[in-house]
N, C-alpha and C. Protein backbone atom coordinates (compact mmCIF):
# COMPACT_ATOMS: atom_id res chain seq x y z
N MET A 1 0.81 10.43 22.33
CA MET A 1 0.80 11.21 21.43
C MET A 1 1.31 12.65 21.78
N ASN A 2 2.36 13.53 21.19
CA ASN A 2 2.37 14.94 21.64
C ASN A 2 1.80 15.69 21.17
N ASN A 3 2.02 17.60 20.70
CA ASN A 3 1.15 18.13 20.54
C ASN A 3 2.20 18.08 19.06
N ALA A 4 3.10 18.03 18.91
CA ALA A 4 3.38 18.48 17.52
C ALA A 4 3.05 16.94 16.50
N THR A 5 2.80 16.00 17.36
CA THR A 5 2.34 14.80 16.18
C THR A 5 0.61 15.11 16.03
N THR A 6 0.46 15.31 17.20
CA THR A 6 -1.57 16.04 16.64
C THR A 6 -1.64 16.73 15.82
N PHE A 7 -0.84 17.59 15.82
CA PHE A 7 -1.12 18.86 15.26
C PHE A 7 -0.89 18.38 13.60
N ILE A 8 0.67 17.84 13.23
CA ILE A 8 0.73 17.27 12.08
C ILE A 8 -0.35 16.11 11.54
N LEU A 9 -0.97 15.15 12.43
CA LEU A 9 -1.86 13.83 12.06
C LEU A 9 -3.44 15.18 11.98
N VAL A 10 -3.95 16.06 12.65
CA VAL A 10 -5.09 16.73 12.24
C VAL A 10 -5.11 17.55 11.49
N SER A 11 -3.99 17.72 11.20
CA SER A 11 -3.85 19.19 9.77
C SER A 11 -3.89 18.40 8.49
N SER A 12 -3.51 17.03 8.59
CA SER A 12 -3.06 16.26 7.39
C SER A 12 -4.17 16.07 7.04
N LEU A 13 -5.22 15.06 8.10
CA LEU A 13 -6.59 15.01 8.05
C LEU A 13 -7.80 16.09 7.22
N VAL A 14 -7.70 17.24 7.78
CA VAL A 14 -8.62 18.41 7.33
C VAL A 14 -7.94 18.64 6.16
N SER A 15 -6.66 18.69 5.58
CA SER A 15 -6.32 19.10 4.75
C SER A 15 -6.78 18.55 3.42
N ILE A 16 -6.73 16.94 3.72
CA ILE A 16 -7.08 16.21 2.65
C ILE A 16 -8.59 15.90 2.27
N MET A 17 -9.55 16.08 3.80
CA MET A 17 -10.70 16.08 3.53
C MET A 17 -11.41 17.52 3.03
N LEU A 18 -10.67 18.33 3.30
CA LEU A 18 -11.19 19.71 2.47
C LEU A 18 -10.97 19.93 1.19
N ARG A 19 -9.57 19.40 0.54
CA ARG A 19 -9.54 19.09 -0.99
C ARG A 19 -10.34 18.16 -1.30
N PHE A 20 -10.77 17.19 -0.72
CA PHE A 20 -11.52 16.08 -1.37
C PHE A 20 -13.01 17.24 -1.66
N LEU A 21 -13.46 17.86 -0.85
CA LEU A 21 -14.76 18.59 -0.77
C LEU A 21 -14.62 19.48 -2.17
N VAL A 22 -13.33 20.54 -2.02
CA VAL A 22 -13.24 21.15 -3.30
C VAL A 22 -13.21 20.48 -4.75
N ARG A 23 -12.64 19.79 -4.60
CA ARG A 23 -12.63 18.87 -5.68
C ARG A 23 -14.12 18.05 -6.18
N GLN A 24 -15.13 17.90 -5.15
CA GLN A 24 -16.03 17.37 -6.00
C GLN A 24 -16.74 18.83 -6.22
N HIS A 25 -16.77 20.30 -5.61
CA HIS A 25 -17.45 21.50 -6.20
C HIS A 25 -16.87 21.68 -7.33
N ILE A 26 -15.55 21.95 -7.22
CA ILE A 26 -15.30 22.93 -8.58
C ILE A 26 -14.91 21.63 -9.89
N ARG A 27 -15.71 21.84 -11.05
CA ARG A 27 -15.76 21.28 -12.04
C ARG A 27 -14.62 21.65 -13.13
N SER A 28 -13.98 22.73 -12.97
CA SER A 28 -13.08 23.28 -14.31
C SER A 28 -11.99 22.45 -13.79
N THR A 29 -11.48 21.59 -14.55
CA THR A 29 -9.96 21.08 -13.96
C THR A 29 -9.02 22.59 -13.98
N GLY A 30 -8.90 23.30 -14.64
CA GLY A 30 -8.11 24.39 -14.92
C GLY A 30 -8.19 25.18 -13.25
N LEU A 31 -9.50 25.44 -12.84
CA LEU A 31 -9.46 25.90 -11.91
C LEU A 31 -8.91 25.37 -10.56
N TYR A 32 -9.37 24.13 -10.63
CA TYR A 32 -8.94 23.33 -9.67
C TYR A 32 -6.97 23.07 -9.79
N SER A 33 -6.67 23.19 -11.00
CA SER A 33 -5.18 22.92 -10.87
C SER A 33 -4.34 23.95 -10.17
N LEU A 34 -5.26 25.09 -10.30
CA LEU A 34 -4.53 26.40 -9.75
C LEU A 34 -4.53 26.55 -8.21
N PHE A 35 -5.70 26.11 -7.56
CA PHE A 35 -5.99 25.68 -6.89
C PHE A 35 -4.78 25.08 -5.75
N VAL A 36 -4.78 24.01 -6.33
CA VAL A 36 -3.87 23.29 -6.25
C VAL A 36 -2.06 23.09 -6.36
N LEU A 37 -2.08 23.95 -7.48
CA LEU A 37 -0.73 24.30 -7.89
C LEU A 37 1.08 24.25 -7.24
N PRO A 38 0.70 25.05 -5.51
CA PRO A 38 1.65 24.78 -4.71
C PRO A 38 2.39 23.39 -4.53
N GLY A 39 0.81 22.56 -4.20
CA GLY A 39 1.14 21.58 -3.94
C GLY A 39 2.11 20.70 -5.22
N THR A 40 1.21 20.29 -6.12
CA THR A 40 1.85 19.99 -7.61
C THR A 40 2.85 20.29 -7.74
N PHE A 41 3.62 21.68 -7.58
CA PHE A 41 4.81 21.83 -7.57
C PHE A 41 5.71 20.93 -6.62
N LEU A 42 5.48 21.56 -5.36
CA LEU A 42 6.30 20.46 -4.19
C LEU A 42 6.09 19.02 -4.55
N HIS A 43 5.15 18.41 -5.23
CA HIS A 43 5.58 16.97 -5.51
C HIS A 43 6.27 16.70 -7.02
N GLU A 44 6.00 17.51 -7.68
CA GLU A 44 6.72 17.04 -8.57
C GLU A 44 8.54 17.57 -8.62
N LEU A 45 8.71 18.78 -8.07
CA LEU A 45 9.81 19.01 -7.71
C LEU A 45 10.64 18.51 -6.63
N CYS A 46 10.15 17.40 -5.14
CA CYS A 46 10.33 16.42 -4.65
C CYS A 46 11.06 15.74 -5.88
N HIS A 47 10.03 14.78 -6.77
CA HIS A 47 10.82 13.93 -7.44
C HIS A 47 12.01 14.13 -8.28
N PHE A 48 12.17 15.23 -8.73
CA PHE A 48 13.08 16.31 -9.46
C PHE A 48 14.29 15.92 -8.64
N VAL A 49 14.26 16.41 -7.52
CA VAL A 49 15.77 16.87 -6.60
C VAL A 49 16.12 15.50 -6.12
N VAL A 50 14.93 14.42 -5.91
CA VAL A 50 15.71 12.86 -5.53
C VAL A 50 15.98 12.24 -6.63
N ALA A 51 15.72 12.43 -7.68
CA ALA A 51 15.86 12.12 -9.25
C ALA A 51 17.29 12.60 -9.38
N ILE A 52 17.68 13.79 -8.98
CA ILE A 52 19.23 14.33 -9.04
C ILE A 52 19.90 13.45 -8.50
N LEU A 53 19.73 13.23 -6.75
CA LEU A 53 20.60 12.91 -6.21
C LEU A 53 20.88 11.61 -6.08
N PHE A 54 19.96 10.58 -6.69
CA PHE A 54 19.80 9.09 -7.19
C PHE A 54 20.60 9.14 -8.38
N TRP A 55 21.10 10.37 -9.23
CA TRP A 55 21.30 9.66 -10.26
C TRP A 55 20.16 9.04 -11.40
N GLY A 56 18.83 9.67 -11.39
CA GLY A 56 17.96 8.75 -12.36
C GLY A 56 18.10 9.73 -13.46
N LYS A 57 18.65 10.83 -13.81
CA LYS A 57 18.82 11.42 -14.78
C LYS A 57 17.11 11.95 -15.48
N PRO A 58 16.54 13.11 -14.48
CA PRO A 58 15.46 13.97 -14.55
C PRO A 58 15.74 14.72 -16.20
N ARG A 59 14.75 14.73 -16.54
CA ARG A 59 14.83 15.73 -17.90
C ARG A 59 14.14 16.40 -17.94
N HIS A 60 13.05 16.22 -17.88
CA HIS A 60 11.37 16.95 -17.68
C HIS A 60 10.64 17.16 -16.90
N LEU A 61 10.28 18.02 -16.59
CA LEU A 61 9.70 18.67 -15.38
C LEU A 61 8.25 19.03 -15.91
N THR A 62 7.08 18.99 -15.58
CA THR A 62 6.04 20.04 -15.86
C THR A 62 4.96 19.89 -15.01
N ILE A 63 4.51 21.21 -14.52
CA ILE A 63 3.18 21.07 -13.93
C ILE A 63 2.01 21.66 -14.49
N VAL A 64 1.72 21.63 -15.48
CA VAL A 64 0.98 21.45 -16.91
C VAL A 64 0.11 20.91 -17.04
N PRO A 65 -1.50 20.99 -16.56
CA PRO A 65 -2.24 19.91 -16.37
C PRO A 65 -2.27 19.17 -17.62
N HIS A 66 -2.77 17.93 -18.06
CA HIS A 66 -2.78 17.75 -19.69
C HIS A 66 -3.96 16.40 -19.47
N HIS A 67 -4.48 15.91 -20.21
CA HIS A 67 -5.63 14.88 -20.10
C HIS A 67 -4.94 13.62 -20.78
N THR A 68 -4.83 12.47 -20.10
CA THR A 68 -4.35 10.86 -20.50
C THR A 68 -4.99 10.43 -21.44
N ALA A 69 -5.00 9.38 -22.07
CA ALA A 69 -5.14 8.38 -23.08
C ALA A 69 -6.54 7.82 -22.39
N GLU A 70 -6.68 7.91 -21.04
CA GLU A 70 -7.53 7.02 -20.36
C GLU A 70 -8.62 8.01 -19.86
N ASN A 71 -8.40 9.35 -20.16
CA ASN A 71 -9.43 10.39 -19.80
C ASN A 71 -9.36 10.76 -18.66
N ARG A 72 -8.08 10.84 -17.88
CA ARG A 72 -7.70 11.05 -16.66
C ARG A 72 -7.02 12.47 -17.00
N VAL A 73 -6.86 13.29 -15.66
CA VAL A 73 -5.74 14.61 -15.77
C VAL A 73 -4.98 14.38 -14.85
N THR A 74 -3.93 14.29 -15.53
CA THR A 74 -2.51 14.73 -14.98
C THR A 74 -2.00 16.03 -14.46
N LEU A 75 -1.54 16.40 -13.36
CA LEU A 75 -1.50 17.53 -12.73
C LEU A 75 -0.06 17.74 -13.05
N GLY A 76 0.88 17.12 -13.11
CA GLY A 76 2.54 17.41 -12.97
C GLY A 76 3.19 15.66 -13.77
N SER A 77 4.26 16.06 -14.41
CA SER A 77 5.02 14.86 -14.11
C SER A 77 6.28 15.05 -14.38
N VAL A 78 7.30 13.88 -13.73
CA VAL A 78 8.92 14.24 -14.23
C VAL A 78 9.23 12.94 -14.99
N THR A 79 10.09 13.45 -16.05
CA THR A 79 10.65 12.39 -16.78
C THR A 79 11.87 11.96 -16.02
N CYS A 80 12.05 10.78 -16.13
CA CYS A 80 13.40 10.08 -15.72
C CYS A 80 14.15 9.03 -16.97
N TYR A 81 15.42 9.18 -16.87
CA TYR A 81 15.79 8.13 -17.87
C TYR A 81 16.79 6.95 -17.70
N ARG A 82 16.60 7.15 -15.94
CA ARG A 82 17.92 6.51 -15.66
C ARG A 82 16.94 5.27 -14.34
N LEU A 83 16.11 4.59 -14.36
CA LEU A 83 15.31 4.11 -13.15
C LEU A 83 15.90 2.58 -13.10
N ASN A 84 16.44 2.37 -12.38
CA ASN A 84 16.95 1.32 -11.61
C ASN A 84 16.64 0.30 -9.89
N ASN A 85 17.24 -0.52 -9.84
CA ASN A 85 16.67 -0.96 -8.40
C ASN A 85 16.93 -0.30 -7.15
N LEU A 86 18.17 0.87 -7.57
CA LEU A 86 18.44 1.30 -6.20
C LEU A 86 18.17 2.67 -6.42
N ASN A 87 17.79 3.54 -7.20
CA ASN A 87 16.77 4.43 -7.53
C ASN A 87 15.18 4.70 -7.71
N SER A 88 14.54 3.85 -8.10
CA SER A 88 13.28 3.74 -8.26
C SER A 88 12.64 3.79 -6.97
N PHE A 89 12.60 3.74 -6.29
CA PHE A 89 11.44 3.59 -4.63
C PHE A 89 12.08 5.05 -4.33
N PRO A 90 13.37 5.52 -4.19
CA PRO A 90 13.44 7.06 -3.26
C PRO A 90 13.06 7.44 -4.20
N ILE A 91 12.67 7.81 -5.49
CA ILE A 91 12.42 8.89 -6.40
C ILE A 91 11.01 8.65 -6.34
N ALA A 92 10.24 7.39 -6.66
CA ALA A 92 8.29 7.41 -6.65
C ALA A 92 8.03 7.71 -5.14
N MET A 93 9.20 7.67 -3.93
CA MET A 93 8.34 8.02 -2.71
C MET A 93 9.08 9.87 -2.27
N ALA A 94 9.33 10.20 -3.46
CA ALA A 94 10.04 11.56 -2.89
C ALA A 94 9.11 12.26 -1.96
N PRO A 95 7.70 12.78 -3.00
CA PRO A 95 6.91 13.33 -2.41
C PRO A 95 6.66 13.16 -0.91
N LEU A 96 6.60 12.23 -0.28
CA LEU A 96 6.51 11.84 1.49
C LEU A 96 7.18 13.25 1.91
N LEU A 97 8.45 13.49 1.57
CA LEU A 97 9.10 14.51 1.88
C LEU A 97 8.41 15.77 2.49
N ILE A 98 7.51 16.24 1.77
CA ILE A 98 6.47 17.13 1.62
C ILE A 98 5.84 16.95 3.56
N LEU A 99 5.72 16.03 3.71
CA LEU A 99 5.45 15.99 5.18
C LEU A 99 5.98 16.61 6.31
N LEU A 100 7.43 16.90 5.76
CA LEU A 100 8.11 17.50 6.92
C LEU A 100 7.58 19.32 7.07
N ILE A 101 6.91 19.88 6.05
CA ILE A 101 6.35 20.96 5.89
C ILE A 101 5.61 21.15 7.35
N PRO A 102 4.80 20.56 7.99
CA PRO A 102 3.71 20.70 9.14
C PRO A 102 4.79 20.46 10.42
N VAL A 103 5.66 19.76 10.03
CA VAL A 103 6.41 19.44 11.15
C VAL A 103 7.44 21.43 11.38
N PHE A 104 7.72 21.43 10.17
CA PHE A 104 8.61 22.97 10.07
C PHE A 104 8.09 24.23 10.89
N LEU A 105 6.46 24.37 10.09
CA LEU A 105 5.72 24.75 11.09
C LEU A 105 5.50 24.95 12.32
N TYR A 106 5.21 23.50 12.78
CA TYR A 106 4.64 23.39 14.09
C TYR A 106 6.04 24.31 15.09
N SER A 107 7.31 23.52 14.85
CA SER A 107 8.42 24.29 15.48
C SER A 107 8.95 25.55 15.19
N ARG A 108 8.53 25.86 13.93
CA ARG A 108 8.80 27.32 14.08
C ARG A 108 8.20 28.76 14.70
N LEU A 109 6.50 28.27 14.32
CA LEU A 109 5.24 29.04 14.35
C LEU A 109 4.82 28.97 15.71
N ASN A 110 4.66 30.05 16.79
CA ASN A 110 4.35 29.76 17.87
C ASN A 110 2.49 30.16 17.77
N ILE A 111 1.63 29.40 17.44
CA ILE A 111 0.58 28.99 17.19
C ILE A 111 -0.34 28.78 18.56
N GLY A 112 -0.78 29.75 18.58
CA GLY A 112 -1.94 29.83 19.93
C GLY A 112 -2.79 30.57 19.63
N VAL A 113 -3.56 30.94 20.80
CA VAL A 113 -4.85 31.87 21.03
C VAL A 113 -4.32 33.17 20.31
N HIS A 114 -3.24 33.85 20.52
CA HIS A 114 -2.55 35.52 20.00
C HIS A 114 -2.52 34.97 18.43
N THR A 115 -2.59 34.57 18.22
CA THR A 115 -1.98 34.41 16.81
C THR A 115 -2.83 34.83 15.70
N SER A 116 -2.41 36.07 14.94
CA SER A 116 -3.12 36.51 13.93
C SER A 116 -4.04 35.70 12.80
N PRO A 117 -5.08 36.09 12.59
CA PRO A 117 -6.20 35.42 12.05
C PRO A 117 -5.53 35.21 10.63
N TYR A 118 -5.20 35.95 10.17
CA TYR A 118 -4.62 36.22 8.47
C TYR A 118 -3.04 34.92 8.89
N CYS A 119 -2.56 34.59 9.60
CA CYS A 119 -1.19 33.87 9.77
C CYS A 119 -1.89 32.62 9.99
N ILE A 120 -2.91 32.34 10.64
CA ILE A 120 -3.55 30.98 10.80
C ILE A 120 -4.54 30.53 9.23
N ILE A 121 -4.78 31.69 8.62
CA ILE A 121 -5.72 31.35 6.99
C ILE A 121 -4.45 30.85 6.19
N LEU A 122 -3.38 31.87 5.81
CA LEU A 122 -2.18 31.46 5.46
C LEU A 122 -1.59 29.85 5.87
N ILE A 123 -1.66 29.81 6.74
CA ILE A 123 -1.30 28.22 7.36
C ILE A 123 -2.41 27.35 6.84
N LEU A 124 -3.09 27.22 7.02
CA LEU A 124 -4.22 26.47 6.63
C LEU A 124 -4.20 26.53 5.20
N TYR A 125 -4.45 27.55 4.45
CA TYR A 125 -4.21 27.74 2.65
C TYR A 125 -2.74 26.50 2.52
N ILE A 126 -1.75 26.80 3.07
CA ILE A 126 -0.47 26.26 2.67
C ILE A 126 -0.63 24.25 3.23
N LEU A 127 -1.58 24.23 4.36
CA LEU A 127 -1.55 23.21 4.48
C LEU A 127 -2.77 22.10 3.64
N PHE A 128 -3.90 23.06 3.36
CA PHE A 128 -4.58 22.60 2.72
C PHE A 128 -3.94 22.25 1.16
N SER A 129 -3.65 23.19 0.71
CA SER A 129 -2.86 22.84 -0.88
C SER A 129 -1.58 21.99 -0.84
N VAL A 130 -0.91 21.94 -0.15
CA VAL A 130 0.38 21.27 -0.04
C VAL A 130 0.38 20.17 0.49
N LEU A 131 -0.65 19.34 1.67
CA LEU A 131 -0.11 18.44 2.55
C LEU A 131 -0.62 16.93 1.36
N PRO A 132 -1.76 17.32 0.67
CA PRO A 132 -2.52 16.26 0.13
C PRO A 132 -1.32 15.75 -0.81
N ALA A 133 -0.26 16.62 -1.84
CA ALA A 133 0.63 16.22 -2.58
C ALA A 133 1.25 15.83 -1.88
N ALA A 134 1.63 14.99 -1.26
CA ALA A 134 2.84 14.47 -0.19
C ALA A 134 2.51 13.02 0.09
N TRP A 135 1.67 12.67 -0.70
CA TRP A 135 1.00 11.10 -0.89
C TRP A 135 1.30 10.78 -2.23
N PRO A 136 2.42 9.65 -2.14
CA PRO A 136 2.86 9.34 -4.11
C PRO A 136 1.45 8.85 -4.50
N SER A 137 1.45 9.45 -5.95
CA SER A 137 0.58 8.94 -6.99
C SER A 137 -0.05 7.47 -7.06
N MET A 138 -0.75 6.81 -7.77
CA MET A 138 -0.76 5.49 -8.39
C MET A 138 0.44 5.22 -9.16
N VAL A 139 0.87 6.40 -9.99
CA VAL A 139 1.71 6.17 -10.84
C VAL A 139 3.19 6.01 -10.24
N ASP A 140 3.16 6.69 -9.11
CA ASP A 140 4.33 6.65 -8.19
C ASP A 140 4.70 4.99 -7.75
N ILE A 141 3.42 4.50 -7.70
CA ILE A 141 3.30 3.00 -6.40
C ILE A 141 3.76 2.41 -7.41
N ASN A 142 2.87 2.57 -8.73
CA ASN A 142 3.32 1.44 -10.00
C ASN A 142 4.99 1.68 -10.56
N MET A 143 5.16 2.62 -10.38
CA MET A 143 6.85 2.96 -10.82
C MET A 143 7.69 2.02 -9.69
N ALA A 144 7.74 2.75 -8.49
CA ALA A 144 8.27 1.74 -7.41
C ALA A 144 8.51 0.31 -7.34
N LEU A 145 7.09 0.00 -7.74
CA LEU A 145 6.62 -1.58 -8.14
C LEU A 145 7.10 -2.14 -9.39
N THR A 146 7.61 -1.29 -10.01
CA THR A 146 8.48 -2.49 -11.34
C THR A 146 9.67 -2.66 -11.32
N LYS A 147 10.57 -2.23 -9.76
CA LYS A 147 11.73 -2.43 -9.39
C LYS A 147 11.71 -3.45 -8.07
N PRO A 148 10.94 -4.64 -8.11
CA PRO A 148 10.48 -5.17 -6.68
C PRO A 148 11.90 -5.51 -5.88
N VAL A 149 13.26 -5.97 -6.47
CA VAL A 149 13.75 -6.15 -5.42
C VAL A 149 14.49 -5.17 -4.94
N GLY A 150 14.97 -3.93 -5.59
CA GLY A 150 14.62 -2.51 -4.79
C GLY A 150 13.67 -2.13 -3.97
N THR A 151 12.80 -2.24 -4.30
CA THR A 151 11.39 -1.77 -3.32
C THR A 151 11.67 -2.25 -1.98
N ALA A 152 11.56 -3.73 -2.72
CA ALA A 152 11.81 -5.09 -1.01
C ALA A 152 13.23 -4.28 -0.08
N ALA A 153 13.93 -4.05 -0.99
CA ALA A 153 15.64 -3.83 -0.16
C ALA A 153 15.36 -2.47 0.60
N TRP A 154 14.72 -1.19 -0.08
CA TRP A 154 14.86 0.20 0.36
C TRP A 154 13.53 -0.09 2.00
N LEU A 155 12.71 -1.04 1.68
CA LEU A 155 11.25 -1.22 2.88
C LEU A 155 11.89 -1.89 4.01
N VAL A 156 12.87 -3.02 3.87
CA VAL A 156 13.65 -3.37 4.71
C VAL A 156 14.01 -2.46 5.75
N LEU A 157 15.24 -1.92 4.39
CA LEU A 157 16.36 -0.55 5.58
C LEU A 157 15.43 0.16 6.24
N THR A 158 14.02 1.15 4.99
CA THR A 158 13.40 1.66 6.10
C THR A 158 12.78 1.00 7.56
N TYR A 159 12.31 0.03 7.43
CA TYR A 159 12.15 -0.76 8.65
C TYR A 159 12.97 -0.77 9.68
N LEU A 160 14.04 -0.88 9.39
CA LEU A 160 14.92 -1.32 10.09
C LEU A 160 15.79 -0.03 10.65
N LEU A 161 15.59 1.17 10.07
CA LEU A 161 15.73 2.47 10.19
C LEU A 161 14.84 2.84 11.09
N LEU A 162 13.56 2.82 10.62
CA LEU A 162 12.12 2.89 11.69
C LEU A 162 12.64 2.65 13.25
N SER A 163 12.62 0.99 13.21
CA SER A 163 12.73 0.58 14.55
C SER A 163 13.89 0.65 15.40
N ARG A 164 14.81 1.18 14.96
CA ARG A 164 15.57 1.62 15.52
C ARG A 164 17.13 0.22 15.79
N GLN A 165 16.81 -0.42 14.99
CA GLN A 165 17.69 -1.97 14.98
C GLN A 165 18.59 -1.39 13.86
N LEU A 166 18.77 -0.18 13.46
CA LEU A 166 20.15 0.33 12.55
C LEU A 166 19.91 1.89 12.53
N SER A 167 21.33 2.28 12.71
CA SER A 167 21.23 3.71 12.93
C SER A 167 22.49 3.95 12.21
N PHE A 168 22.16 5.52 11.50
CA PHE A 168 23.30 6.00 10.69
C PHE A 168 24.78 5.99 11.43
N THR A 169 23.98 6.97 12.70
CA THR A 169 25.68 7.14 13.66
C THR A 169 26.55 5.30 13.69
N GLY A 170 25.53 4.79 14.41
CA GLY A 170 26.05 3.25 14.70
C GLY A 170 26.65 2.86 13.59
N LEU A 171 26.51 2.46 12.26
CA LEU A 171 27.11 2.64 11.15
C LEU A 171 28.50 3.50 10.37
N TYR A 172 28.31 4.48 10.82
CA TYR A 172 29.43 5.57 10.68
C TYR A 172 30.85 5.24 11.96
N ASN A 173 30.14 4.83 13.11
CA ASN A 173 31.16 4.70 14.11
C ASN A 173 31.69 3.02 13.55
N ASP A 174 31.09 2.53 13.25
CA ASP A 174 31.74 0.84 13.02
C ASP A 174 32.54 1.08 11.91
N TRP A 175 31.95 1.68 11.01
CA TRP A 175 33.17 2.28 10.10
C TRP A 175 34.26 2.64 10.06
N LEU A 176 34.18 3.77 10.97
CA LEU A 176 35.58 4.13 11.41
C LEU A 176 35.99 3.35 12.41
N SER A 177 35.63 2.58 13.12
CA SER A 177 36.66 1.70 13.74
C SER A 177 37.04 0.14 13.04
N LEU A 178 37.29 0.15 11.86
CA LEU A 178 37.41 -0.93 11.24
C LEU A 178 39.53 -0.54 10.73
N PRO A 179 39.90 -1.65 10.80
CA PRO A 179 41.21 -1.00 10.65
C PRO A 179 41.78 -0.74 9.29
N ILE A 180 42.12 -0.14 9.05
CA ILE A 180 42.77 0.46 7.85
C ILE A 180 43.88 -0.74 7.25
N PRO A 181 43.69 -1.12 6.07
CA PRO A 181 44.92 -2.48 5.75
C PRO A 181 45.95 -1.54 5.79
N PHE A 182 47.00 -2.29 5.49
CA PHE A 182 48.10 -1.87 5.38
C PHE A 182 48.84 -0.81 5.81
N GLN A 183 48.37 -0.08 7.15
CA GLN A 183 48.62 0.78 7.71
C GLN A 183 49.81 0.08 8.88
N GLU A 184 50.55 0.75 9.18
CA GLU A 184 51.99 0.52 9.95
C GLU A 184 51.81 0.44 11.38
N GLY A 185 52.22 -0.17 12.38
CA GLY A 185 51.84 0.01 13.66
C GLY A 185 50.83 -0.82 13.71
N ARG A 186 49.95 -1.80 13.28
CA ARG A 186 48.51 -2.42 14.11
C ARG A 186 48.91 -4.15 13.63
C-alpha cells in the first residue's frame, strides 16, 4: 500500500470515527447539521449533478434538515422525476465521488513536518465534515435496489473496469477500427 492510499484510508476512518463521536455529544440536530453542512451539500450536489448527466430530471435539492414520519432526521435530499434502469444506480452512488477529495488534497498539498498547523486543522475539518458524506445512505441504496437489472448491470461493468478486464481506451480503439459501412475503397 502506497502513501496516498494510506492517507486516504486513515483520514476516512478518523473522520468517520470523529463524526460519530461528535454526533453522540451534540444533542441539537440544528447544531449537528451546521457542523456537517459542507458534507451534506456535497452529498446532495453529487446526486444532483449525476442526475443531470444521466437524464434523471432532478427538480428539487434541499440541505435543510427535517424530521421524517419515522421520527428520523433527513439532512438533505434531491428529488428526481425520471429514474430508470440506466440512471438509478449512478445517481444513488454519486456521493462516492466525494472520495476523490482526499486524493486531490494528498496530490496537491505537500503535507509534512513543516506544514502550518492552521493548514492541518483546515484539512482535518474538510476531511472530517466531508468524507463521511461520501457513503451512500440507506435511502440511496434502496433507490438503487428498486431497479435490480440496472444495478446488476452497473455492478458487472464496475467489476470489469476495476479488474481491468475492460478498458475505455480499448473500447474506443476497437470502435475506431470498425469498418465504416458503404465506404468506398474497402
